Amino acid sequence: WHQWKAANPAIIDMGDALLPSGKKVKNGVVTDGPSIESKELVTG
């Protein structure tokens, strides 16, 4: 990752990885997330 960043000055924010846990708010209801129905997760 550091090599990729060094080779690409256009990267202005490396962002971050996301932890696997989270919460989901839908229609005012809070549940554990992310959605387990998905085959892919946003990880960063």
All heavy atoms as atom14 arrays in JSON, in Angstrom:
{
  "sequence": "WHQWKAANPAIIDMGDALLPSGKKVKNGVVTDGPSIESKELVTG",
  "atom14_mask": [
    [1, 1, 1, 1, 1, 1, 1, 1, 1, 1, 1, 1, 1, 1],
    [1, 1, 1, 1, 1, 1, 1, 1, 1, 1, 0, 0, 0, 0],
    [1, 1, 1, 1, 1, 1, 1, 1, 1, 0, 0, 0, 0, 0],
    [1, 1, 1, 1, 1, 1, 1, 1, 1, 1, 1, 1, 1, 1],
    [1, 1, 1, 1, 1, 1, 1, 1, 1, 0, 0, 0, 0, 0],
    [1, 1, 1, 1, 1, 0, 0, 0, 0, 0, 0, 0, 0, 0],
    [1, 1, 1, 1, 1, 0, 0, 0, 0, 0, 0, 0, 0, 0],
    [1, 1, 1, 1, 1, 1, 1, 1, 0, 0, 0, 0, 0, 0],
    [1, 1, 1, 1, 1, 1, 1, 0, 0, 0, 0, 0, 0, 0],
    [1, 1, 1, 1, 1, 0, 0, 0, 0, 0, 0, 0, 0, 0],
    [1, 1, 1, 1, 1, 1, 1, 1, 0, 0, 0, 0, 0, 0],
    [1, 1, 1, 1, 1, 1, 1, 1, 0, 0, 0, 0, 0, 0],
    [1, 1, 1, 1, 1, 1, 1, 1, 0, 0, 0, 0, 0, 0],
    [1, 1, 1, 1, 1, 1, 1, 1, 0, 0, 0, 0, 0, 0],
    [1, 1, 1, 1, 0, 0, 0, 0, 0, 0, 0, 0, 0, 0],
    [1, 1, 1, 1, 1, 1, 1, 1, 0, 0, 0, 0, 0, 0],
    [1, 1, 1, 1, 1, 0, 0, 0, 0, 0, 0, 0, 0, 0],
    [1, 1, 1, 1, 1, 1, 1, 1, 0, 0, 0, 0, 0, 0],
    [1, 1, 1, 1, 1, 1, 1, 1, 0, 0, 0, 0, 0, 0],
    [1, 1, 1, 1, 1, 1, 1, 0, 0, 0, 0, 0, 0, 0],
    [1, 1, 1, 1, 1, 1, 0, 0, 0, 0, 0, 0, 0, 0],
    [1, 1, 1, 1, 0, 0, 0, 0, 0, 0, 0, 0, 0, 0],
    [1, 1, 1, 1, 1, 1, 1, 1, 1, 0, 0, 0, 0, 0],
    [1, 1, 1, 1, 1, 1, 1, 1, 1, 0, 0, 0, 0, 0],
    [1, 1, 1, 1, 1, 1, 1, 0, 0, 0, 0, 0, 0, 0],
    [1, 1, 1, 1, 1, 1, 1, 1, 1, 0, 0, 0, 0, 0],
    [1, 1, 1, 1, 1, 1, 1, 1, 0, 0, 0, 0, 0, 0],
    [1, 1, 1, 1, 0, 0, 0, 0, 0, 0, 0, 0, 0, 0],
    [1, 1, 1, 1, 1, 1, 1, 0, 0, 0, 0, 0, 0, 0],
    [1, 1, 1, 1, 1, 1, 1, 0, 0, 0, 0, 0, 0, 0],
    [1, 1, 1, 1, 1, 1, 1, 0, 0, 0, 0, 0, 0, 0],
    [1, 1, 1, 1, 1, 1, 1, 1, 0, 0, 0, 0, 0, 0],
    [1, 1, 1, 1, 0, 0, 0, 0, 0, 0, 0, 0, 0, 0],
    [1, 1, 1, 1, 1, 1, 1, 0, 0, 0, 0, 0, 0, 0],
    [1, 1, 1, 1, 1, 1, 0, 0, 0, 0, 0, 0, 0, 0],
    [1, 1, 1, 1, 1, 1, 1, 1, 0, 0, 0, 0, 0, 0],
    [1, 1, 1, 1, 1, 1, 1, 1, 1, 0, 0, 0, 0, 0],
    [1, 1, 1, 1, 1, 1, 0, 0, 0, 0, 0, 0, 0, 0],
    [1, 1, 1, 1, 1, 1, 1, 1, 1, 0, 0, 0, 0, 0],
    [1, 1, 1, 1, 1, 1, 1, 1, 1, 0, 0, 0, 0, 0],
    [1, 1, 1, 1, 1, 1, 1, 1, 0, 0, 0, 0, 0, 0],
    [1, 1, 1, 1, 1, 1, 1, 0, 0, 0, 0, 0, 0, 0],
    [1, 1, 1, 1, 1, 1, 1, 0, 0, 0, 0, 0, 0, 0],
    [1, 1, 1, 1, 0, 0, 0, 0, 0, 0, 0, 0, 0, 0]
  ],
  "atom14_positions": [
    [[0.84, -1.21, 0.0], [0.0, 0.0, 0.0], [0.87, 1.25, 0.0], [0.58, 2.22, -0.71], [-0.95, 0.01, 1.2], [-2.13, -0.89, 0.99], [-2.21, -2.22, 1.3], [-3.37, -0.55, 0.39], [-3.44, -2.71, 0.92], [-4.17, -1.71, 0.37], [-3.89, 0.63, -0.14], [-5.45, -1.72, -0.15], [-5.19, 0.61, -0.65], [-5.95, -0.56, -0.65]],
    [[1.92, 1.29, 0.8], [2.8, 2.45, 0.84], [3.52, 2.66, -0.49], [3.7, 3.8, -0.94], [3.81, 2.34, 2.0], [3.16, 2.45, 3.35], [2.53, 3.59, 3.79], [3.02, 1.55, 4.34], [2.04, 3.4, 5.0], [2.32, 2.16, 5.35], [0.0, 0.0, 0.0], [0.0, 0.0, 0.0], [0.0, 0.0, 0.0], [0.0, 0.0, 0.0]],
    [[3.91, 1.58, -1.15], [4.53, 1.69, -2.47], [3.56, 2.24, -3.5], [3.91, 3.07, -4.34], [5.06, 0.32, -2.92], [6.27, -0.14, -2.15], [6.63, -1.59, -2.47], [5.92, -2.29, -3.18], [7.74, -2.05, -1.91], [0.0, 0.0, 0.0], [0.0, 0.0, 0.0], [0.0, 0.0, 0.0], [0.0, 0.0, 0.0], [0.0, 0.0, 0.0]],
    [[2.32, 1.78, -3.44], [1.28, 2.26, -4.35], [1.05, 3.75, -4.15], [0.97, 4.51, -5.11], [0.0, 1.45, -4.12], [-1.17, 1.83, -4.95], [-1.29, 1.73, -6.31], [-2.41, 2.35, -4.49], [-2.54, 2.15, -6.71], [-3.25, 2.53, -5.6], [-2.92, 2.66, -3.22], [-4.55, 3.02, -5.5], [-4.21, 3.14, -3.12], [-5.0, 3.33, -4.25]],
    [[0.97, 4.18, -2.89], [0.78, 5.6, -2.58], [1.97, 6.43, -3.08], [1.79, 7.48, -3.7], [0.6, 5.78, -1.07], [0.73, 7.2, -0.56], [-0.42, 8.08, -0.97], [-0.4, 9.4, -0.23], [-0.46, 10.56, -1.05], [0.0, 0.0, 0.0], [0.0, 0.0, 0.0], [0.0, 0.0, 0.0], [0.0, 0.0, 0.0], [0.0, 0.0, 0.0]],
    [[3.17, 5.95, -2.84], [4.37, 6.69, -3.26], [4.43, 6.84, -4.78], [4.92, 7.85, -5.29], [5.62, 5.98, -2.75], [0.0, 0.0, 0.0], [0.0, 0.0, 0.0], [0.0, 0.0, 0.0], [0.0, 0.0, 0.0], [0.0, 0.0, 0.0], [0.0, 0.0, 0.0], [0.0, 0.0, 0.0], [0.0, 0.0, 0.0], [0.0, 0.0, 0.0]],
    [[3.92, 5.87, -5.51], [3.96, 5.89, -6.98], [2.82, 6.72, -7.59], [2.82, 6.95, -8.79], [3.91, 4.47, -7.52], [0.0, 0.0, 0.0], [0.0, 0.0, 0.0], [0.0, 0.0, 0.0], [0.0, 0.0, 0.0], [0.0, 0.0, 0.0], [0.0, 0.0, 0.0], [0.0, 0.0, 0.0], [0.0, 0.0, 0.0], [0.0, 0.0, 0.0]],
    [[1.87, 7.16, -6.75], [0.69, 7.85, -7.25], [0.4, 9.11, -6.45], [-0.41, 9.1, -5.53], [-0.53, 6.92, -7.2], [-0.4, 5.77, -8.16], [-0.52, 5.94, -9.36], [-0.15, 4.59, -7.63], [0.0, 0.0, 0.0], [0.0, 0.0, 0.0], [0.0, 0.0, 0.0], [0.0, 0.0, 0.0], [0.0, 0.0, 0.0], [0.0, 0.0, 0.0]],
    [[1.04, 10.23, -6.81], [0.79, 11.48, -6.07], [-0.64, 11.99, -6.19], [-1.05, 12.85, -5.43], [1.79, 12.47, -6.67], [2.23, 11.86, -7.94], [2.03, 10.39, -7.85], [0.0, 0.0, 0.0], [0.0, 0.0, 0.0], [0.0, 0.0, 0.0], [0.0, 0.0, 0.0], [0.0, 0.0, 0.0], [0.0, 0.0, 0.0], [0.0, 0.0, 0.0]],
    [[-1.42, 11.44, -7.11], [-2.83, 11.84, -7.25], [-3.68, 11.33, -6.09], [-4.82, 11.77, -5.92], [-3.39, 11.35, -8.58], [0.0, 0.0, 0.0], [0.0, 0.0, 0.0], [0.0, 0.0, 0.0], [0.0, 0.0, 0.0], [0.0, 0.0, 0.0], [0.0, 0.0, 0.0], [0.0, 0.0, 0.0], [0.0, 0.0, 0.0], [0.0, 0.0, 0.0]],
    [[-3.15, 10.39, -5.31], [-3.89, 9.91, -4.14], [-3.78, 10.98, -3.07], [-2.73, 11.19, -2.49], [-3.34, 8.56, -3.62], [-3.41, 7.5, -4.72], [-4.1, 8.12, -2.37], [-2.68, 6.22, -4.38], [0.0, 0.0, 0.0], [0.0, 0.0, 0.0], [0.0, 0.0, 0.0], [0.0, 0.0, 0.0], [0.0, 0.0, 0.0], [0.0, 0.0, 0.0]],
    [[-4.89, 11.69, -2.84], [-4.85, 12.8, -1.89], [-5.33, 12.39, -0.5], [-5.09, 13.09, 0.47], [-5.65, 14.01, -2.39], [-7.11, 13.66, -2.64], [-5.0, 14.58, -3.64], [-7.99, 14.86, -2.94], [0.0, 0.0, 0.0], [0.0, 0.0, 0.0], [0.0, 0.0, 0.0], [0.0, 0.0, 0.0], [0.0, 0.0, 0.0], [0.0, 0.0, 0.0]],
    [[-5.99, 11.24, -0.39], [-6.43, 10.72, 0.9], [-6.43, 9.2, 0.81], [-7.23, 8.63, 0.08], [-7.83, 11.25, 1.24], [-8.34, 10.8, 2.6], [-7.7, 9.95, 3.26], [-9.41, 11.3, 3.02], [0.0, 0.0, 0.0], [0.0, 0.0, 0.0], [0.0, 0.0, 0.0], [0.0, 0.0, 0.0], [0.0, 0.0, 0.0], [0.0, 0.0, 0.0]],
    [[-5.5, 8.57, 1.52], [-5.43, 7.1, 1.49], [-6.67, 6.47, 2.12], [-6.92, 5.3, 1.95], [-4.19, 6.6, 2.22], [-2.93, 6.65, 1.38], [-2.98, 5.58, -0.07], [-2.78, 3.98, 0.67], [0.0, 0.0, 0.0], [0.0, 0.0, 0.0], [0.0, 0.0, 0.0], [0.0, 0.0, 0.0], [0.0, 0.0, 0.0], [0.0, 0.0, 0.0]],
    [[-7.45, 7.27, 2.84], [-8.64, 6.73, 3.46], [-8.25, 5.77, 4.56], [-7.27, 5.99, 5.28], [0.0, 0.0, 0.0], [0.0, 0.0, 0.0], [0.0, 0.0, 0.0], [0.0, 0.0, 0.0], [0.0, 0.0, 0.0], [0.0, 0.0, 0.0], [0.0, 0.0, 0.0], [0.0, 0.0, 0.0], [0.0, 0.0, 0.0], [0.0, 0.0, 0.0]],
    [[-8.97, 4.7, 4.67], [-8.72, 3.73, 5.73], [-9.47, 2.45, 5.41], [-10.39, 2.45, 4.58], [-9.21, 4.3, 7.07], [-8.46, 3.73, 8.26], [-7.78, 2.68, 8.11], [-8.54, 4.33, 9.34], [0.0, 0.0, 0.0], [0.0, 0.0, 0.0], [0.0, 0.0, 0.0], [0.0, 0.0, 0.0], [0.0, 0.0, 0.0], [0.0, 0.0, 0.0]],
    [[-9.09, 1.41, 6.1], [-9.84, 0.17, 6.04], [-11.01, 0.28, 7.01], [-10.95, 1.03, 7.98], [-8.94, -1.01, 6.42], [0.0, 0.0, 0.0], [0.0, 0.0, 0.0], [0.0, 0.0, 0.0], [0.0, 0.0, 0.0], [0.0, 0.0, 0.0], [0.0, 0.0, 0.0], [0.0, 0.0, 0.0], [0.0, 0.0, 0.0], [0.0, 0.0, 0.0]],
    [[-12.05, -0.45, 6.74], [-13.21, -0.47, 7.62], [-13.2, -1.77, 8.42], [-12.9, -2.84, 7.87], [-14.5, -0.37, 6.83], [-14.64, 0.89, 5.96], [-15.91, 0.8, 5.12], [-14.67, 2.13, 6.83], [0.0, 0.0, 0.0], [0.0, 0.0, 0.0], [0.0, 0.0, 0.0], [0.0, 0.0, 0.0], [0.0, 0.0, 0.0], [0.0, 0.0, 0.0]],
    [[-13.51, -1.68, 9.69], [-13.62, -2.87, 10.52], [-14.87, -3.64, 10.13], [-15.84, -3.06, 9.64], [-13.66, -2.49, 12.0], [-12.39, -1.81, 12.51], [-12.58, -1.32, 13.94], [-11.21, -2.76, 12.42], [0.0, 0.0, 0.0], [0.0, 0.0, 0.0], [0.0, 0.0, 0.0], [0.0, 0.0, 0.0], [0.0, 0.0, 0.0], [0.0, 0.0, 0.0]],
    [[-14.87, -4.97, 10.33], [-16.01, -5.77, 9.88], [-17.31, -5.51, 10.65], [-18.39, -5.78, 10.16], [-15.55, -7.21, 10.07], [-14.3, -7.17, 10.85], [-13.78, -5.77, 10.82], [0.0, 0.0, 0.0], [0.0, 0.0, 0.0], [0.0, 0.0, 0.0], [0.0, 0.0, 0.0], [0.0, 0.0, 0.0], [0.0, 0.0, 0.0], [0.0, 0.0, 0.0]],
    [[-17.22, -4.96, 11.85], [-18.44, -4.71, 12.61], [-19.01, -3.34, 12.26], [-18.32, -2.49, 11.71], [-18.13, -4.77, 14.11], [-17.2, -3.77, 14.44], [0.0, 0.0, 0.0], [0.0, 0.0, 0.0], [0.0, 0.0, 0.0], [0.0, 0.0, 0.0], [0.0, 0.0, 0.0], [0.0, 0.0, 0.0], [0.0, 0.0, 0.0], [0.0, 0.0, 0.0]],
    [[-20.26, -3.14, 12.57], [-20.89, -1.86, 12.32], [-22.36, -1.93, 12.67], [-22.86, -2.94, 13.18], [0.0, 0.0, 0.0], [0.0, 0.0, 0.0], [0.0, 0.0, 0.0], [0.0, 0.0, 0.0], [0.0, 0.0, 0.0], [0.0, 0.0, 0.0], [0.0, 0.0, 0.0], [0.0, 0.0, 0.0], [0.0, 0.0, 0.0], [0.0, 0.0, 0.0]],
    [[-23.05, -0.87, 12.42], [-24.5, -0.79, 12.64], [-25.15, -0.3, 11.37], [-24.54, 0.39, 10.55], [-24.83, 0.18, 13.78], [-24.22, -0.18, 15.11], [-24.86, -1.4, 15.7], [-24.24, -1.72, 17.06], [-24.68, -2.99, 17.58], [0.0, 0.0, 0.0], [0.0, 0.0, 0.0], [0.0, 0.0, 0.0], [0.0, 0.0, 0.0], [0.0, 0.0, 0.0]],
    [[-26.41, -0.64, 11.21], [-27.18, -0.24, 10.04], [-28.45, 0.44, 10.52], [-29.11, -0.06, 11.43], [-27.52, -1.48, 9.21], [-28.3, -1.23, 7.97], [-28.51, -2.56, 7.23], [-29.42, -2.4, 6.05], [-29.63, -3.69, 5.39], [0.0, 0.0, 0.0], [0.0, 0.0, 0.0], [0.0, 0.0, 0.0], [0.0, 0.0, 0.0], [0.0, 0.0, 0.0]],
    [[-28.77, 1.59, 9.95], [-29.99, 2.31, 10.29], [-30.89, 2.29, 9.06], [-30.5, 2.73, 7.98], [-29.69, 3.77, 10.7], [-30.98, 4.5, 11.04], [-28.71, 3.83, 11.86], [0.0, 0.0, 0.0], [0.0, 0.0, 0.0], [0.0, 0.0, 0.0], [0.0, 0.0, 0.0], [0.0, 0.0, 0.0], [0.0, 0.0, 0.0], [0.0, 0.0, 0.0]],
    [[-32.09, 1.77, 9.24], [-33.06, 1.72, 8.15], [-34.44, 1.94, 8.73], [-34.84, 1.24, 9.68], [-32.98, 0.37, 7.42], [-33.88, 0.29, 6.22], [-33.68, -1.01, 5.46], [-34.55, -1.06, 4.23], [-34.32, -2.31, 3.48], [0.0, 0.0, 0.0], [0.0, 0.0, 0.0], [0.0, 0.0, 0.0], [0.0, 0.0, 0.0], [0.0, 0.0, 0.0]],
    [[-35.15, 2.9, 8.18], [-36.49, 3.24, 8.65], [-36.51, 3.51, 10.16], [-37.43, 3.12, 10.86], [-37.49, 2.14, 8.29], [-37.63, 1.94, 6.81], [-37.56, 2.89, 6.04], [-37.8, 0.7, 6.38], [0.0, 0.0, 0.0], [0.0, 0.0, 0.0], [0.0, 0.0, 0.0], [0.0, 0.0, 0.0], [0.0, 0.0, 0.0], [0.0, 0.0, 0.0]],
    [[-35.45, 4.13, 10.65], [-35.37, 4.48, 12.06], [-35.0, 3.34, 12.99], [-34.93, 3.51, 14.2], [0.0, 0.0, 0.0], [0.0, 0.0, 0.0], [0.0, 0.0, 0.0], [0.0, 0.0, 0.0], [0.0, 0.0, 0.0], [0.0, 0.0, 0.0], [0.0, 0.0, 0.0], [0.0, 0.0, 0.0], [0.0, 0.0, 0.0], [0.0, 0.0, 0.0]],
    [[-34.75, 2.16, 12.44], [-34.4, 0.99, 13.24], [-32.91, 0.71, 13.1], [-32.39, 0.68, 11.98], [-35.22, -0.25, 12.8], [-34.82, -1.48, 13.59], [-36.71, 0.03, 12.95], [0.0, 0.0, 0.0], [0.0, 0.0, 0.0], [0.0, 0.0, 0.0], [0.0, 0.0, 0.0], [0.0, 0.0, 0.0], [0.0, 0.0, 0.0], [0.0, 0.0, 0.0]],
    [[-32.24, 0.51, 14.23], [-30.81, 0.22, 14.24], [-30.61, -1.28, 14.42], [-31.16, -1.87, 15.35], [-30.09, 1.0, 15.37], [-28.61, 0.66, 15.39], [-30.31, 2.49, 15.22], [0.0, 0.0, 0.0], [0.0, 0.0, 0.0], [0.0, 0.0, 0.0], [0.0, 0.0, 0.0], [0.0, 0.0, 0.0], [0.0, 0.0, 0.0], [0.0, 0.0, 0.0]],
    [[-29.82, -1.87, 13.51], [-29.5, -3.29, 13.61], [-28.0, -3.47, 13.44], [-27.3, -2.56, 13.0], [-30.24, -4.12, 12.53], [-29.88, -3.61, 11.24], [-31.74, -4.06, 12.71], [0.0, 0.0, 0.0], [0.0, 0.0, 0.0], [0.0, 0.0, 0.0], [0.0, 0.0, 0.0], [0.0, 0.0, 0.0], [0.0, 0.0, 0.0], [0.0, 0.0, 0.0]],
    [[-27.52, -4.66, 13.77], [-26.12, -4.95, 13.53], [-25.89, -5.0, 12.03], [-26.72, -5.47, 11.27], [-25.71, -6.29, 14.16], [-25.61, -6.21, 15.66], [-25.4, -5.09, 16.18], [-25.75, -7.24, 16.33], [0.0, 0.0, 0.0], [0.0, 0.0, 0.0], [0.0, 0.0, 0.0], [0.0, 0.0, 0.0], [0.0, 0.0, 0.0], [0.0, 0.0, 0.0]],
    [[-24.75, -4.5, 11.62], [-24.43, -4.47, 10.2], [-22.99, -4.88, 10.02], [-22.33, -5.2, 10.99], [0.0, 0.0, 0.0], [0.0, 0.0, 0.0], [0.0, 0.0, 0.0], [0.0, 0.0, 0.0], [0.0, 0.0, 0.0], [0.0, 0.0, 0.0], [0.0, 0.0, 0.0], [0.0, 0.0, 0.0], [0.0, 0.0, 0.0], [0.0, 0.0, 0.0]],
    [[-22.45, -4.88, 8.88], [-23.12, -4.58, 7.61], [-24.07, -5.7, 7.2], [-24.12, -6.73, 7.86], [-21.95, -4.46, 6.64], [-20.85, -5.22, 7.25], [-21.05, -5.17, 8.73], [0.0, 0.0, 0.0], [0.0, 0.0, 0.0], [0.0, 0.0, 0.0], [0.0, 0.0, 0.0], [0.0, 0.0, 0.0], [0.0, 0.0, 0.0], [0.0, 0.0, 0.0]],
    [[-24.79, -5.49, 6.12], [-25.79, -6.45, 5.67], [-25.15, -7.79, 5.36], [-24.22, -7.87, 4.56], [-26.5, -5.93, 4.41], [-27.17, -4.75, 4.69], [0.0, 0.0, 0.0], [0.0, 0.0, 0.0], [0.0, 0.0, 0.0], [0.0, 0.0, 0.0], [0.0, 0.0, 0.0], [0.0, 0.0, 0.0], [0.0, 0.0, 0.0], [0.0, 0.0, 0.0]],
    [[-25.63, -8.83, 5.99], [-25.08, -10.16, 5.73], [-25.63, -10.77, 4.45], [-25.14, -11.77, 3.98], [-25.31, -11.11, 6.92], [-26.81, -11.23, 7.23], [-24.54, -10.67, 8.13], [-27.14, -12.28, 8.26], [0.0, 0.0, 0.0], [0.0, 0.0, 0.0], [0.0, 0.0, 0.0], [0.0, 0.0, 0.0], [0.0, 0.0, 0.0], [0.0, 0.0, 0.0]],
    [[-26.67, -10.14, 3.87], [-27.23, -10.66, 2.63], [-26.28, -10.44, 1.46], [-26.37, -11.08, 0.44], [-28.56, -9.96, 2.3], [-29.63, -10.12, 3.35], [-29.55, -9.05, 4.44], [-29.12, -7.92, 4.16], [-29.88, -9.36, 5.58], [0.0, 0.0, 0.0], [0.0, 0.0, 0.0], [0.0, 0.0, 0.0], [0.0, 0.0, 0.0], [0.0, 0.0, 0.0]],
    [[-25.36, -9.53, 1.62], [-24.45, -9.17, 0.55], [-23.35, -10.22, 0.39], [-22.92, -10.83, 1.36], [-23.82, -7.81, 0.85], [-22.88, -7.49, -0.13], [0.0, 0.0, 0.0], [0.0, 0.0, 0.0], [0.0, 0.0, 0.0], [0.0, 0.0, 0.0], [0.0, 0.0, 0.0], [0.0, 0.0, 0.0], [0.0, 0.0, 0.0], [0.0, 0.0, 0.0]],
    [[-22.88, -10.4, -0.83], [-21.75, -11.29, -1.09], [-20.44, -10.54, -0.96], [-19.39, -11.14, -0.84], [-21.87, -11.91, -2.47], [-23.05, -12.86, -2.6], [-23.14, -13.43, -3.99], [-24.38, -14.31, -4.09], [-24.6, -14.8, -5.41], [0.0, 0.0, 0.0], [0.0, 0.0, 0.0], [0.0, 0.0, 0.0], [0.0, 0.0, 0.0], [0.0, 0.0, 0.0]],
    [[-20.52, -9.2, -1.01], [-19.34, -8.35, -0.89], [-19.58, -7.32, 0.2], [-20.71, -6.92, 0.44], [-19.07, -7.58, -2.18], [-18.68, -8.39, -3.37], [-18.41, -7.48, -4.56], [-19.16, -6.52, -4.79], [-17.42, -7.76, -5.25], [0.0, 0.0, 0.0], [0.0, 0.0, 0.0], [0.0, 0.0, 0.0], [0.0, 0.0, 0.0], [0.0, 0.0, 0.0]],
    [[-18.5, -6.9, 0.82], [-18.57, -5.85, 1.83], [-17.66, -4.7, 1.41], [-16.6, -4.92, 0.84], [-18.1, -6.36, 3.19], [-18.94, -7.44, 3.85], [-18.26, -7.92, 5.12], [-20.32, -6.9, 4.16], [0.0, 0.0, 0.0], [0.0, 0.0, 0.0], [0.0, 0.0, 0.0], [0.0, 0.0, 0.0], [0.0, 0.0, 0.0], [0.0, 0.0, 0.0]],
    [[-18.09, -3.49, 1.7], [-17.21, -2.34, 1.52], [-16.19, -2.43, 2.65], [-16.56, -2.47, 3.82], [-17.98, -1.01, 1.57], [-17.03, 0.16, 1.55], [-18.96, -0.92, 0.41], [0.0, 0.0, 0.0], [0.0, 0.0, 0.0], [0.0, 0.0, 0.0], [0.0, 0.0, 0.0], [0.0, 0.0, 0.0], [0.0, 0.0, 0.0], [0.0, 0.0, 0.0]],
    [[-14.91, -2.5, 2.29], [-13.88, -2.71, 3.3], [-12.92, -1.54, 3.45], [-12.04, -1.56, 4.3], [-13.08, -3.98, 2.99], [-12.52, -3.88, 1.68], [-13.95, -5.22, 3.08], [0.0, 0.0, 0.0], [0.0, 0.0, 0.0], [0.0, 0.0, 0.0], [0.0, 0.0, 0.0], [0.0, 0.0, 0.0], [0.0, 0.0, 0.0], [0.0, 0.0, 0.0]],
    [[-13.08, -0.5, 2.62], [-12.21, 0.66, 2.74], [-12.4, 1.6, 1.57], [-13.23, 1.37, 0.69], [0.0, 0.0, 0.0], [0.0, 0.0, 0.0], [0.0, 0.0, 0.0], [0.0, 0.0, 0.0], [0.0, 0.0, 0.0], [0.0, 0.0, 0.0], [0.0, 0.0, 0.0], [0.0, 0.0, 0.0], [0.0, 0.0, 0.0], [0.0, 0.0, 0.0]]
  ]
}
